[in-house]
Amino acid sequence: MSLDQKVQLSMIVLLTGLVIVFVMLIFLTYIIKGYSAVIKNIQPNAKTDPVPKSVPTVQRASAPVPSVEAGIPEETAAAIAAAVYAVYGSSAGKIKSIRRAAQPGRSLWRIAGLLENTRPF
């Protein structure tokens, strides 16, 4: 086989591979779009579902106020309570107290940053 024939065969293999790869990518794109359309047709549409006539009202029970350490604003305590409820929901129980964490050599934000940036891949 001469050098010209080797180059020609290499180019044919290269172009055939590229064409096959791109044709399969286009084919997979249409399969995914078709699957998405099928799923959208199966799921109920929010616009066609009837809207409930009345929305139930939430009854608030008077919950005991957690003890908050002096120097912590009420807004901070409310934000902490809302964050706990957002993460754990109603299964979180009751917040009994809010106090400042003991200050170690490094701040908690700094430790969190170190852990985030030194986590193995």
PDB file of N, CA and C in Angstrom:
ATOM      1  N   MET A   1       0.832  -1.167   0.000  1.00  0.00           N
ATOM      2  CA  MET A   1       0.000   0.000   0.000  1.00  0.00           C
ATOM      3  C   MET A   1       0.890   1.248   0.000  1.00  0.00           C
ATOM      4  N   SER A   2       0.618   2.130  -0.907  1.00  0.00           N
ATOM      5  CA  SER A   2       1.428   3.345  -0.996  1.00  0.00           C
ATOM      6  C   SER A   2       0.944   4.361   0.040  1.00  0.00           C
ATOM      7  N   LEU A   3       1.745   5.392   0.215  1.00  0.00           N
ATOM      8  CA  LEU A   3       1.425   6.438   1.170  1.00  0.00           C
ATOM      9  C   LEU A   3       0.135   7.151   0.795  1.00  0.00           C
ATOM     10  N   ASP A   4      -0.097   7.405  -0.471  1.00  0.00           N
ATOM     11  CA  ASP A   4      -1.327   8.061  -0.928  1.00  0.00           C
ATOM     12  C   ASP A   4      -2.553   7.224  -0.593  1.00  0.00           C
ATOM     13  N   GLN A   5      -2.456   5.916  -0.753  1.00  0.00           N
ATOM     14  CA  GLN A   5      -3.582   5.034  -0.445  1.00  0.00           C
ATOM     15  C   GLN A   5      -3.854   4.993   1.059  1.00  0.00           C
ATOM     16  N   LYS A   6      -2.763   5.018   1.856  1.00  0.00           N
ATOM     17  CA  LYS A   6      -2.930   5.021   3.323  1.00  0.00           C
ATOM     18  C   LYS A   6      -3.620   6.305   3.790  1.00  0.00           C
ATOM     19  N   VAL A   7      -3.213   7.436   3.224  1.00  0.00           N
ATOM     20  CA  VAL A   7      -3.826   8.714   3.579  1.00  0.00           C
ATOM     21  C   VAL A   7      -5.285   8.736   3.149  1.00  0.00           C
ATOM     22  N   GLN A   8      -5.557   8.226   1.955  1.00  0.00           N
ATOM     23  CA  GLN A   8      -6.933   8.197   1.457  1.00  0.00           C
ATOM     24  C   GLN A   8      -7.802   7.301   2.340  1.00  0.00           C
ATOM     25  N   LEU A   9      -7.307   6.144   2.726  1.00  0.00           N
ATOM     26  CA  LEU A   9      -8.059   5.235   3.588  1.00  0.00           C
ATOM     27  C   LEU A   9      -8.288   5.862   4.963  1.00  0.00           C
ATOM     28  N   SER A  10      -7.274   6.545   5.494  1.00  0.00           N
ATOM     29  CA  SER A  10      -7.405   7.214   6.794  1.00  0.00           C
ATOM     30  C   SER A  10      -8.476   8.301   6.740  1.00  0.00           C
ATOM     31  N   MET A  11      -8.492   9.075   5.668  1.00  0.00           N
ATOM     32  CA  MET A  11      -9.498  10.130   5.534  1.00  0.00           C
ATOM     33  C   MET A  11     -10.893   9.549   5.397  1.00  0.00           C
ATOM     34  N   ILE A  12     -11.036   8.452   4.689  1.00  0.00           N
ATOM     35  CA  ILE A  12     -12.349   7.812   4.547  1.00  0.00           C
ATOM     36  C   ILE A  12     -12.842   7.312   5.897  1.00  0.00           C
ATOM     37  N   VAL A  13     -11.948   6.679   6.659  1.00  0.00           N
ATOM     38  CA  VAL A  13     -12.334   6.179   7.992  1.00  0.00           C
ATOM     39  C   VAL A  13     -12.697   7.342   8.905  1.00  0.00           C
ATOM     40  N   LEU A  14     -11.909   8.408   8.868  1.00  0.00           N
ATOM     41  CA  LEU A  14     -12.177   9.584   9.697  1.00  0.00           C
ATOM     42  C   LEU A  14     -13.522  10.211   9.361  1.00  0.00           C
ATOM     43  N   LEU A  15     -13.773  10.454   8.106  1.00  0.00           N
ATOM     44  CA  LEU A  15     -15.031  11.086   7.704  1.00  0.00           C
ATOM     45  C   LEU A  15     -16.227  10.169   7.971  1.00  0.00           C
ATOM     46  N   THR A  16     -16.070   8.877   7.741  1.00  0.00           N
ATOM     47  CA  THR A  16     -17.157   7.937   8.029  1.00  0.00           C
ATOM     48  C   THR A  16     -17.485   7.943   9.520  1.00  0.00           C
ATOM     49  N   GLY A  17     -16.468   7.964  10.352  1.00  0.00           N
ATOM     50  CA  GLY A  17     -16.687   8.014  11.804  1.00  0.00           C
ATOM     51  C   GLY A  17     -17.398   9.280  12.235  1.00  0.00           C
ATOM     52  N   LEU A  18     -16.968  10.414  11.694  1.00  0.00           N
ATOM     53  CA  LEU A  18     -17.609  11.682  12.044  1.00  0.00           C
ATOM     54  C   LEU A  18     -19.073  11.706  11.602  1.00  0.00           C
ATOM     55  N   VAL A  19     -19.342  11.229  10.398  1.00  0.00           N
ATOM     56  CA  VAL A  19     -20.720  11.211   9.895  1.00  0.00           C
ATOM     57  C   VAL A  19     -21.583  10.313  10.773  1.00  0.00           C
ATOM     58  N   ILE A  20     -21.094   9.150  11.134  1.00  0.00           N
ATOM     59  CA  ILE A  20     -21.869   8.220  11.967  1.00  0.00           C
ATOM     60  C   ILE A  20     -22.144   8.826  13.339  1.00  0.00           C
ATOM     61  N   VAL A  21     -21.133   9.464  13.935  1.00  0.00           N
ATOM     62  CA  VAL A  21     -21.312  10.073  15.261  1.00  0.00           C
ATOM     63  C   VAL A  21     -22.375  11.167  15.205  1.00  0.00           C
ATOM     64  N   PHE A  22     -22.304  12.067  14.230  1.00  0.00           N
ATOM     65  CA  PHE A  22     -23.265  13.164  14.176  1.00  0.00           C
ATOM     66  C   PHE A  22     -24.669  12.687  13.809  1.00  0.00           C
ATOM     67  N   VAL A  23     -24.777  11.687  12.962  1.00  0.00           N
ATOM     68  CA  VAL A  23     -26.104  11.137  12.639  1.00  0.00           C
ATOM     69  C   VAL A  23     -26.728  10.520  13.878  1.00  0.00           C
ATOM     70  N   MET A  24     -25.919   9.808  14.670  1.00  0.00           N
ATOM     71  CA  MET A  24     -26.458   9.203  15.898  1.00  0.00           C
ATOM     72  C   MET A  24     -26.840  10.271  16.923  1.00  0.00           C
ATOM     73  N   LEU A  25     -26.064  11.368  17.009  1.00  0.00           N
ATOM     74  CA  LEU A  25     -26.425  12.453  17.922  1.00  0.00           C
ATOM     75  C   LEU A  25     -27.752  13.089  17.518  1.00  0.00           C
ATOM     76  N   ILE A  26     -27.953  13.294  16.250  1.00  0.00           N
ATOM     77  CA  ILE A  26     -29.226  13.858  15.780  1.00  0.00           C
ATOM     78  C   ILE A  26     -30.362  12.887  16.062  1.00  0.00           C
ATOM     79  N   PHE A  27     -30.124  11.613  15.842  1.00  0.00           N
ATOM     80  CA  PHE A  27     -31.127  10.583  16.119  1.00  0.00           C
ATOM     81  C   PHE A  27     -31.490  10.561  17.604  1.00  0.00           C
ATOM     82  N   LEU A  28     -30.494  10.629  18.480  1.00  0.00           N
ATOM     83  CA  LEU A  28     -30.755  10.642  19.921  1.00  0.00           C
ATOM     84  C   LEU A  28     -31.499  11.909  20.341  1.00  0.00           C
ATOM     85  N   THR A  29     -31.197  13.034  19.693  1.00  0.00           N
ATOM     86  CA  THR A  29     -31.914  14.276  19.999  1.00  0.00           C
ATOM     87  C   THR A  29     -33.399  14.122  19.699  1.00  0.00           C
ATOM     88  N   TYR A  30     -33.740  13.525  18.568  1.00  0.00           N
ATOM     89  CA  TYR A  30     -35.147  13.329  18.235  1.00  0.00           C
ATOM     90  C   TYR A  30     -35.810  12.316  19.164  1.00  0.00           C
ATOM     91  N   ILE A  31     -35.097  11.309  19.596  1.00  0.00           N
ATOM     92  CA  ILE A  31     -35.658  10.343  20.554  1.00  0.00           C
ATOM     93  C   ILE A  31     -35.969  11.043  21.871  1.00  0.00           C
ATOM     94  N   ILE A  32     -35.060  11.886  22.350  1.00  0.00           N
ATOM     95  CA  ILE A  32     -35.279  12.591  23.617  1.00  0.00           C
ATOM     96  C   ILE A  32     -36.431  13.579  23.491  1.00  0.00           C
ATOM     97  N   LYS A  33     -36.526  14.287  22.377  1.00  0.00           N
ATOM     98  CA  LYS A  33     -37.654  15.220  22.178  1.00  0.00           C
ATOM     99  C   LYS A  33     -38.977  14.468  22.115  1.00  0.00           C
ATOM    100  N   GLY A  34     -38.996  13.321  21.464  1.00  0.00           N
ATOM    101  CA  GLY A  34     -40.213  12.509  21.414  1.00  0.00           C
ATOM    102  C   GLY A  34     -40.608  12.001  22.788  1.00  0.00           C
ATOM    103  N   TYR A  35     -39.632  11.562  23.562  1.00  0.00           N
ATOM    104  CA  TYR A  35     -39.897  11.102  24.926  1.00  0.00           C
ATOM    105  C   TYR A  35     -40.455  12.237  25.774  1.00  0.00           C
ATOM    106  N   SER A  36     -39.895  13.433  25.611  1.00  0.00           N
ATOM    107  CA  SER A  36     -40.379  14.595  26.353  1.00  0.00           C
ATOM    108  C   SER A  36     -41.829  14.911  25.986  1.00  0.00           C
ATOM    109  N   ALA A  37     -42.164  14.818  24.712  1.00  0.00           N
ATOM    110  CA  ALA A  37     -43.536  15.091  24.285  1.00  0.00           C
ATOM    111  C   ALA A  37     -44.502  14.052  24.861  1.00  0.00           C
ATOM    112  N   VAL A  38     -44.087  12.798  24.894  1.00  0.00           N
ATOM    113  CA  VAL A  38     -44.943  11.746  25.463  1.00  0.00           C
ATOM    114  C   VAL A  38     -45.176  12.000  26.943  1.00  0.00           C
ATOM    115  N   ILE A  39     -44.127  12.352  27.682  1.00  0.00           N
ATOM    116  CA  ILE A  39     -44.262  12.611  29.117  1.00  0.00           C
ATOM    117  C   ILE A  39     -45.159  13.818  29.365  1.00  0.00           C
ATOM    118  N   LYS A  40     -45.033  14.865  28.551  1.00  0.00           N
ATOM    119  CA  LYS A  40     -45.887  16.041  28.726  1.00  0.00           C
ATOM    120  C   LYS A  40     -47.353  15.697  28.483  1.00  0.00           C
ATOM    121  N   ASN A  41     -47.631  14.801  27.546  1.00  0.00           N
ATOM    122  CA  ASN A  41     -49.013  14.401  27.284  1.00  0.00           C
ATOM    123  C   ASN A  41     -49.574  13.520  28.387  1.00  0.00           C
ATOM    124  N   ILE A  42     -48.720  12.758  29.038  1.00  0.00           N
ATOM    125  CA  ILE A  42     -49.180  11.864  30.104  1.00  0.00           C
ATOM    126  C   ILE A  42     -49.496  12.644  31.371  1.00  0.00           C
ATOM    127  N   GLN A  43     -48.668  13.627  31.706  1.00  0.00           N
ATOM    128  CA  GLN A  43     -48.860  14.385  32.936  1.00  0.00           C
ATOM    129  C   GLN A  43     -50.068  15.302  32.804  1.00  0.00           C
ATOM    130  N   PRO A  44     -50.817  15.465  33.919  1.00  0.00           N
ATOM    131  CA  PRO A  44     -51.981  16.364  33.855  1.00  0.00           C
ATOM    132  C   PRO A  44     -51.534  17.813  33.702  1.00  0.00           C
ATOM    133  N   ASN A  45     -52.288  18.538  32.946  1.00  0.00           N
ATOM    134  CA  ASN A  45     -51.990  19.935  32.690  1.00  0.00           C
ATOM    135  C   ASN A  45     -52.599  20.783  33.789  1.00  0.00           C
ATOM    136  N   ALA A  46     -51.841  21.699  34.336  1.00  0.00           N
ATOM    137  CA  ALA A  46     -52.322  22.540  35.432  1.00  0.00           C
ATOM    138  C   ALA A  46     -53.419  23.494  34.960  1.00  0.00           C
ATOM    139  N   LYS A  47     -53.420  23.873  33.688  1.00  0.00           N
ATOM    140  CA  LYS A  47     -54.428  24.803  33.186  1.00  0.00           C
ATOM    141  C   LYS A  47     -55.793  24.133  33.036  1.00  0.00           C
ATOM    142  N   THR A  48     -55.801  22.836  32.759  1.00  0.00           N
ATOM    143  CA  THR A  48     -57.074  22.158  32.569  1.00  0.00           C
ATOM    144  C   THR A  48     -57.635  21.591  33.863  1.00  0.00           C
ATOM    145  N   ASP A  49     -56.799  21.490  34.897  1.00  0.00           N
ATOM    146  CA  ASP A  49     -57.296  20.976  36.173  1.00  0.00           C
ATOM    147  C   ASP A  49     -58.185  22.017  36.832  1.00  0.00           C
ATOM    148  N   PRO A  50     -59.291  21.588  37.449  1.00  0.00           N
ATOM    149  CA  PRO A  50     -60.163  22.565  38.109  1.00  0.00           C
ATOM    150  C   PRO A  50     -59.477  23.168  39.328  1.00  0.00           C
ATOM    151  N   VAL A  51     -59.715  24.451  39.522  1.00  0.00           N
ATOM    152  CA  VAL A  51     -59.157  25.158  40.667  1.00  0.00           C
ATOM    153  C   VAL A  51     -60.095  24.945  41.842  1.00  0.00           C
ATOM    154  N   PRO A  52     -59.569  24.613  43.028  1.00  0.00           N
ATOM    155  CA  PRO A  52     -60.451  24.419  44.176  1.00  0.00           C
ATOM    156  C   PRO A  52     -61.183  25.715  44.500  1.00  0.00           C
ATOM    157  N   LYS A  53     -62.446  25.567  44.880  1.00  0.00           N
ATOM    158  CA  LYS A  53     -63.285  26.729  45.175  1.00  0.00           C
ATOM    159  C   LYS A  53     -62.827  27.463  46.424  1.00  0.00           C
ATOM    160  N   SER A  54     -62.456  26.721  47.438  1.00  0.00           N
ATOM    161  CA  SER A  54     -62.035  27.365  48.677  1.00  0.00           C
ATOM    162  C   SER A  54     -60.684  26.806  49.097  1.00  0.00           C
ATOM    163  N   VAL A  55     -59.872  27.680  49.599  1.00  0.00           N
ATOM    164  CA  VAL A  55     -58.560  27.288  50.082  1.00  0.00           C
ATOM    165  C   VAL A  55     -58.661  27.153  51.594  1.00  0.00           C
ATOM    166  N   PRO A  56     -58.228  26.023  52.146  1.00  0.00           N
ATOM    167  CA  PRO A  56     -58.327  25.866  53.593  1.00  0.00           C
ATOM    168  C   PRO A  56     -57.422  26.873  54.300  1.00  0.00           C
ATOM    169  N   THR A  57     -57.910  27.384  55.405  1.00  0.00           N
ATOM    170  CA  THR A  57     -57.132  28.345  56.168  1.00  0.00           C
ATOM    171  C   THR A  57     -56.244  27.610  57.153  1.00  0.00           C
ATOM    172  N   VAL A  58     -55.114  28.203  57.415  1.00  0.00           N
ATOM    173  CA  VAL A  58     -54.166  27.612  58.353  1.00  0.00           C
ATOM    174  C   VAL A  58     -54.478  28.154  59.737  1.00  0.00           C
ATOM    175  N   GLN A  59     -54.668  27.244  60.661  1.00  0.00           N
ATOM    176  CA  GLN A  59     -54.922  27.654  62.035  1.00  0.00           C
ATOM    177  C   GLN A  59     -53.600  27.673  62.773  1.00  0.00           C
ATOM    178  N   ARG A  60     -53.308  28.794  63.360  1.00  0.00           N
ATOM    179  CA  ARG A  60     -52.050  28.942  64.075  1.00  0.00           C
ATOM    180  C   ARG A  60     -52.286  28.690  65.557  1.00  0.00           C
ATOM    181  N   ALA A  61     -51.524  27.770  66.074  1.00  0.00           N
ATOM    182  CA  ALA A  61     -51.582  27.511  67.507  1.00  0.00           C
ATOM    183  C   ALA A  61     -50.506  28.358  68.165  1.00  0.00           C
ATOM    184  N   SER A  62     -50.768  28.782  69.349  1.00  0.00           N
ATOM    185  CA  SER A  62     -49.764  29.583  70.036  1.00  0.00           C
ATOM    186  C   SER A  62     -48.654  28.651  70.515  1.00  0.00           C
ATOM    187  N   ALA A  63     -47.524  28.741  69.836  1.00  0.00           N
ATOM    188  CA  ALA A  63     -46.390  27.899  70.185  1.00  0.00           C
ATOM    189  C   ALA A  63     -45.514  28.633  71.186  1.00  0.00           C
ATOM    190  N   PRO A  64     -44.863  27.884  72.054  1.00  0.00           N
ATOM    191  CA  PRO A  64     -43.972  28.551  72.999  1.00  0.00           C
ATOM    192  C   PRO A  64     -42.802  29.181  72.260  1.00  0.00           C
ATOM    193  N   VAL A  65     -42.435  30.363  72.686  1.00  0.00           N
ATOM    194  CA  VAL A  65     -41.356  31.102  72.055  1.00  0.00           C
ATOM    195  C   VAL A  65     -40.031  30.520  72.542  1.00  0.00           C
ATOM    196  N   PRO A  66     -39.107  30.212  71.626  1.00  0.00           N
ATOM    197  CA  PRO A  66     -37.827  29.663  72.074  1.00  0.00           C
ATOM    198  C   PRO A  66     -37.019  30.701  72.830  1.00  0.00           C
ATOM    199  N   SER A  67     -36.202  30.225  73.771  1.00  0.00           N
ATOM    200  CA  SER A  67     -35.355  31.159  74.502  1.00  0.00           C
ATOM    201  C   SER A  67     -34.184  31.556  73.613  1.00  0.00           C
ATOM    202  N   VAL A  68     -33.994  32.852  73.482  1.00  0.00           N
ATOM    203  CA  VAL A  68     -32.962  33.378  72.603  1.00  0.00           C
ATOM    204  C   VAL A  68     -31.931  34.084  73.459  1.00  0.00           C
ATOM    205  N   GLU A  69     -30.663  33.803  73.194  1.00  0.00           N
ATOM    206  CA  GLU A  69     -29.575  34.422  73.948  1.00  0.00           C
ATOM    207  C   GLU A  69     -29.580  35.928  73.729  1.00  0.00           C
ATOM    208  N   ALA A  70     -29.185  36.667  74.712  1.00  0.00           N
ATOM    209  CA  ALA A  70     -29.147  38.123  74.614  1.00  0.00           C
ATOM    210  C   ALA A  70     -28.171  38.539  73.519  1.00  0.00           C
ATOM    211  N   GLY A  71     -28.550  39.528  72.755  1.00  0.00           N
ATOM    212  CA  GLY A  71     -27.691  40.036  71.689  1.00  0.00           C
ATOM    213  C   GLY A  71     -28.046  39.481  70.322  1.00  0.00           C
ATOM    214  N   ILE A  72     -28.946  38.493  70.264  1.00  0.00           N
ATOM    215  CA  ILE A  72     -29.382  37.953  68.978  1.00  0.00           C
ATOM    216  C   ILE A  72     -30.702  38.623  68.627  1.00  0.00           C
ATOM    217  N   PRO A  73     -30.769  39.339  67.500  1.00  0.00           N
ATOM    218  CA  PRO A  73     -32.007  40.031  67.129  1.00  0.00           C
ATOM    219  C   PRO A  73     -33.153  39.049  66.855  1.00  0.00           C
ATOM    220  N   GLU A  74     -34.377  39.528  67.016  1.00  0.00           N
ATOM    221  CA  GLU A  74     -35.550  38.689  66.766  1.00  0.00           C
ATOM    222  C   GLU A  74     -35.614  38.253  65.308  1.00  0.00           C
ATOM    223  N   GLU A  75     -35.172  39.128  64.390  1.00  0.00           N
ATOM    224  CA  GLU A  75     -35.182  38.780  62.977  1.00  0.00           C
ATOM    225  C   GLU A  75     -34.265  37.593  62.692  1.00  0.00           C
ATOM    226  N   THR A  76     -33.123  37.539  63.375  1.00  0.00           N
ATOM    227  CA  THR A  76     -32.187  36.426  63.201  1.00  0.00           C
ATOM    228  C   THR A  76     -32.809  35.136  63.716  1.00  0.00           C
ATOM    229  N   ALA A  77     -33.471  35.201  64.860  1.00  0.00           N
ATOM    230  CA  ALA A  77     -34.129  34.014  65.402  1.00  0.00           C
ATOM    231  C   ALA A  77     -35.232  33.531  64.468  1.00  0.00           C
ATOM    232  N   ALA A  78     -35.980  34.469  63.877  1.00  0.00           N
ATOM    233  CA  ALA A  78     -37.039  34.091  62.945  1.00  0.00           C
ATOM    234  C   ALA A  78     -36.442  33.468  61.684  1.00  0.00           C
ATOM    235  N   ALA A  79     -35.324  34.010  61.202  1.00  0.00           N
ATOM    236  CA  ALA A  79     -34.678  33.453  60.018  1.00  0.00           C
ATOM    237  C   ALA A  79     -34.140  32.050  60.287  1.00  0.00           C
ATOM    238  N   ILE A  80     -33.589  31.830  61.471  1.00  0.00           N
ATOM    239  CA  ILE A  80     -33.092  30.497  61.839  1.00  0.00           C
ATOM    240  C   ILE A  80     -34.250  29.513  61.910  1.00  0.00           C
ATOM    241  N   ALA A  81     -35.347  29.914  62.542  1.00  0.00           N
ATOM    242  CA  ALA A  81     -36.512  29.032  62.636  1.00  0.00           C
ATOM    243  C   ALA A  81     -37.069  28.713  61.248  1.00  0.00           C
ATOM    244  N   ALA A  82     -37.122  29.707  60.367  1.00  0.00           N
ATOM    245  CA  ALA A  82     -37.624  29.473  59.009  1.00  0.00           C
ATOM    246  C   ALA A  82     -36.702  28.550  58.227  1.00  0.00           C
ATOM    247  N   ALA A  83     -35.402  28.697  58.409  1.00  0.00           N
ATOM    248  CA  ALA A  83     -34.451  27.823  57.713  1.00  0.00           C
ATOM    249  C   ALA A  83     -34.567  26.389  58.194  1.00  0.00           C
ATOM    250  N   VAL A  84     -34.728  26.207  59.498  1.00  0.00           N
ATOM    251  CA  VAL A  84     -34.890  24.848  60.040  1.00  0.00           C
ATOM    252  C   VAL A  84     -36.172  24.231  59.510  1.00  0.00           C
ATOM    253  N   TYR A  85     -37.240  25.005  59.467  1.00  0.00           N
ATOM    254  CA  TYR A  85     -38.502  24.481  58.948  1.00  0.00           C
ATOM    255  C   TYR A  85     -38.394  24.165  57.458  1.00  0.00           C
ATOM    256  N   ALA A  86     -37.667  25.008  56.706  1.00  0.00           N
ATOM    257  CA  ALA A  86     -37.515  24.769  55.273  1.00  0.00           C
ATOM    258  C   ALA A  86     -36.729  23.495  55.000  1.00  0.00           C
ATOM    259  N   VAL A  87     -35.733  23.213  55.829  1.00  0.00           N
ATOM    260  CA  VAL A  87     -34.906  22.028  55.616  1.00  0.00           C
ATOM    261  C   VAL A  87     -35.607  20.768  56.116  1.00  0.00           C
ATOM    262  N   TYR A  88     -36.163  20.808  57.322  1.00  0.00           N
ATOM    263  CA  TYR A  88     -36.704  19.605  57.940  1.00  0.00           C
ATOM    264  C   TYR A  88     -38.223  19.502  57.880  1.00  0.00           C
ATOM    265  N   GLY A  89     -38.914  20.576  57.582  1.00  0.00           N
ATOM    266  CA  GLY A  89     -40.369  20.544  57.534  1.00  0.00           C
ATOM    267  C   GLY A  89     -40.957  20.445  58.931  1.00  0.00           C
ATOM    268  N   SER A  90     -42.147  19.913  58.997  1.00  0.00           N
ATOM    269  CA  SER A  90     -42.817  19.837  60.291  1.00  0.00           C
ATOM    270  C   SER A  90     -42.245  18.742  61.172  1.00  0.00           C
ATOM    271  N   SER A  91     -41.377  17.871  60.618  1.00  0.00           N
ATOM    272  CA  SER A  91     -40.802  16.801  61.426  1.00  0.00           C
ATOM    273  C   SER A  91     -39.642  17.290  62.280  1.00  0.00           C
ATOM    274  N   ALA A  92     -39.300  18.571  62.195  1.00  0.00           N
ATOM    275  CA  ALA A  92     -38.159  19.101  62.932  1.00  0.00           C
ATOM    276  C   ALA A  92     -38.444  19.198  64.426  1.00  0.00           C
ATOM    277  N   GLY A  93     -39.697  19.196  64.804  1.00  0.00           N
ATOM    278  CA  GLY A  93     -40.018  19.365  66.213  1.00  0.00           C
ATOM    279  C   GLY A  93     -40.080  20.835  66.556  1.00  0.00           C
ATOM    280  N   LYS A  94     -39.712  21.164  67.765  1.00  0.00           N
ATOM    281  CA  LYS A  94     -39.770  22.549  68.223  1.00  0.00           C
ATOM    282  C   LYS A  94     -38.370  23.049  68.524  1.00  0.00           C
ATOM    283  N   ILE A  95     -38.147  24.311  68.219  1.00  0.00           N
ATOM    284  CA  ILE A  95     -36.880  24.943  68.568  1.00  0.00           C
ATOM    285  C   ILE A  95     -36.993  25.391  70.012  1.00  0.00           C
ATOM    286  N   LYS A  96     -36.097  24.886  70.854  1.00  0.00           N
ATOM    287  CA  LYS A  96     -36.168  25.201  72.274  1.00  0.00           C
ATOM    288  C   LYS A  96     -35.319  26.412  72.638  1.00  0.00           C
ATOM    289  N   SER A  97     -34.168  26.533  71.998  1.00  0.00           N
ATOM    290  CA  SER A  97     -33.316  27.679  72.311  1.00  0.00           C
ATOM    291  C   SER A  97     -32.412  27.985  71.127  1.00  0.00           C
ATOM    292  N   ILE A  98     -32.001  29.236  71.072  1.00  0.00           N
ATOM    293  CA  ILE A  98     -31.045  29.692  70.065  1.00  0.00           C
ATOM    294  C   ILE A  98     -29.949  30.418  70.822  1.00  0.00           C
ATOM    295  N   ARG A  99     -28.702  29.939  70.631  1.00  0.00           N
ATOM    296  CA  ARG A  99     -27.570  30.580  71.302  1.00  0.00           C
ATOM    297  C   ARG A  99     -26.393  30.610  70.342  1.00  0.00           C
ATOM    298  N   ARG A 100     -25.472  31.484  70.624  1.00  0.00           N
ATOM    299  CA  ARG A 100     -24.288  31.609  69.786  1.00  0.00           C
ATOM    300  C   ARG A 100     -23.385  30.401  70.001  1.00  0.00           C
ATOM    301  N   ALA A 101     -22.735  29.988  68.915  1.00  0.00           N
ATOM    302  CA  ALA A 101     -21.779  28.887  69.006  1.00  0.00           C
ATOM    303  C   ALA A 101     -20.493  29.400  69.632  1.00  0.00           C
ATOM    304  N   ALA A 102     -19.805  28.519  70.323  1.00  0.00           N
ATOM    305  CA  ALA A 102     -18.520  28.894  70.907  1.00  0.00           C
ATOM    306  C   ALA A 102     -17.554  29.203  69.768  1.00  0.00           C
ATOM    307  N   GLN A 103     -16.778  30.249  69.911  1.00  0.00           N
ATOM    308  CA  GLN A 103     -15.856  30.668  68.861  1.00  0.00           C
ATOM    309  C   GLN A 103     -14.578  29.832  68.925  1.00  0.00           C
ATOM    310  N   PRO A 104     -14.414  28.891  67.986  1.00  0.00           N
ATOM    311  CA  PRO A 104     -13.146  28.150  67.938  1.00  0.00           C
ATOM    312  C   PRO A 104     -12.060  29.035  67.332  1.00  0.00           C
ATOM    313  N   GLY A 105     -10.928  28.477  67.057  1.00  0.00           N
ATOM    314  CA  GLY A 105      -9.832  29.233  66.460  1.00  0.00           C
ATOM    315  C   GLY A 105     -10.204  29.790  65.099  1.00  0.00           C
ATOM    316  N   ARG A 106     -11.054  29.075  64.358  1.00  0.00           N
ATOM    317  CA  ARG A 106     -11.506  29.521  63.044  1.00  0.00           C
ATOM    318  C   ARG A 106     -13.013  29.692  63.076  1.00  0.00           C
ATOM    319  N   SER A 107     -13.519  30.603  62.258  1.00  0.00           N
ATOM    320  CA  SER A 107     -14.966  30.790  62.204  1.00  0.00           C
ATOM    321  C   SER A 107     -15.604  29.609  61.477  1.00  0.00           C
ATOM    322  N   LEU A 108     -16.877  29.395  61.728  1.00  0.00           N
ATOM    323  CA  LEU A 108     -17.578  28.284  61.096  1.00  0.00           C
ATOM    324  C   LEU A 108     -17.653  28.460  59.583  1.00  0.00           C
ATOM    325  N   TRP A 109     -17.771  29.703  59.112  1.00  0.00           N
ATOM    326  CA  TRP A 109     -17.801  29.942  57.669  1.00  0.00           C
ATOM    327  C   TRP A 109     -16.459  29.586  57.037  1.00  0.00           C
ATOM    328  N   ARG A 110     -15.378  29.878  57.753  1.00  0.00           N
ATOM    329  CA  ARG A 110     -14.058  29.551  57.228  1.00  0.00           C
ATOM    330  C   ARG A 110     -13.861  28.036  57.172  1.00  0.00           C
ATOM    331  N   ILE A 111     -14.306  27.323  58.197  1.00  0.00           N
ATOM    332  CA  ILE A 111     -14.201  25.868  58.210  1.00  0.00           C
ATOM    333  C   ILE A 111     -15.034  25.266  57.088  1.00  0.00           C
ATOM    334  N   ALA A 112     -16.245  25.805  56.877  1.00  0.00           N
ATOM    335  CA  ALA A 112     -17.093  25.311  55.786  1.00  0.00           C
ATOM    336  C   ALA A 112     -16.422  25.546  54.433  1.00  0.00           C
ATOM    337  N   GLY A 113     -15.788  26.698  54.267  1.00  0.00           N
ATOM    338  CA  GLY A 113     -15.078  26.977  53.028  1.00  0.00           C
ATOM    339  C   GLY A 113     -13.907  26.036  52.808  1.00  0.00           C
ATOM    340  N   LEU A 114     -13.168  25.756  53.883  1.00  0.00           N
ATOM    341  CA  LEU A 114     -12.051  24.819  53.763  1.00  0.00           C
ATOM    342  C   LEU A 114     -12.536  23.429  53.391  1.00  0.00           C
ATOM    343  N   LEU A 115     -13.614  22.985  54.032  1.00  0.00           N
ATOM    344  CA  LEU A 115     -14.159  21.658  53.712  1.00  0.00           C
ATOM    345  C   LEU A 115     -14.650  21.587  52.282  1.00  0.00           C
ATOM    346  N   GLU A 116     -15.295  22.657  51.816  1.00  0.00           N
ATOM    347  CA  GLU A 116     -15.830  22.659  50.448  1.00  0.00           C
ATOM    348  C   GLU A 116     -14.705  22.653  49.413  1.00  0.00           C
ATOM    349  N   ASN A 117     -13.645  23.394  49.681  1.00  0.00           N
ATOM    350  CA  ASN A 117     -12.582  23.524  48.685  1.00  0.00           C
ATOM    351  C   ASN A 117     -11.537  22.425  48.757  1.00  0.00           C
ATOM    352  N   THR A 118     -11.529  21.643  49.811  1.00  0.00           N
ATOM    353  CA  THR A 118     -10.546  20.557  49.914  1.00  0.00           C
ATOM    354  C   THR A 118     -11.184  19.186  49.830  1.00  0.00           C
ATOM    355  N   ARG A 119     -12.454  19.139  49.447  1.00  0.00           N
ATOM    356  CA  ARG A 119     -13.146  17.852  49.286  1.00  0.00           C
ATOM    357  C   ARG A 119     -12.534  17.097  48.110  1.00  0.00           C
ATOM    358  N   PRO A 120     -12.273  15.777  48.289  1.00  0.00           N
ATOM    359  CA  PRO A 120     -11.694  15.034  47.161  1.00  0.00           C
ATOM    360  C   PRO A 120     -12.687  14.910  46.009  1.00  0.00           C
ATOM    361  N   PHE A 121     -12.157  14.709  44.831  1.00  0.00           N
ATOM    362  CA  PHE A 121     -12.987  14.646  43.630  1.00  0.00           C
ATOM    363  C   PHE A 121     -13.793  13.409  43.577  1.00  0.00           C
TER     364      PHE A 121
END
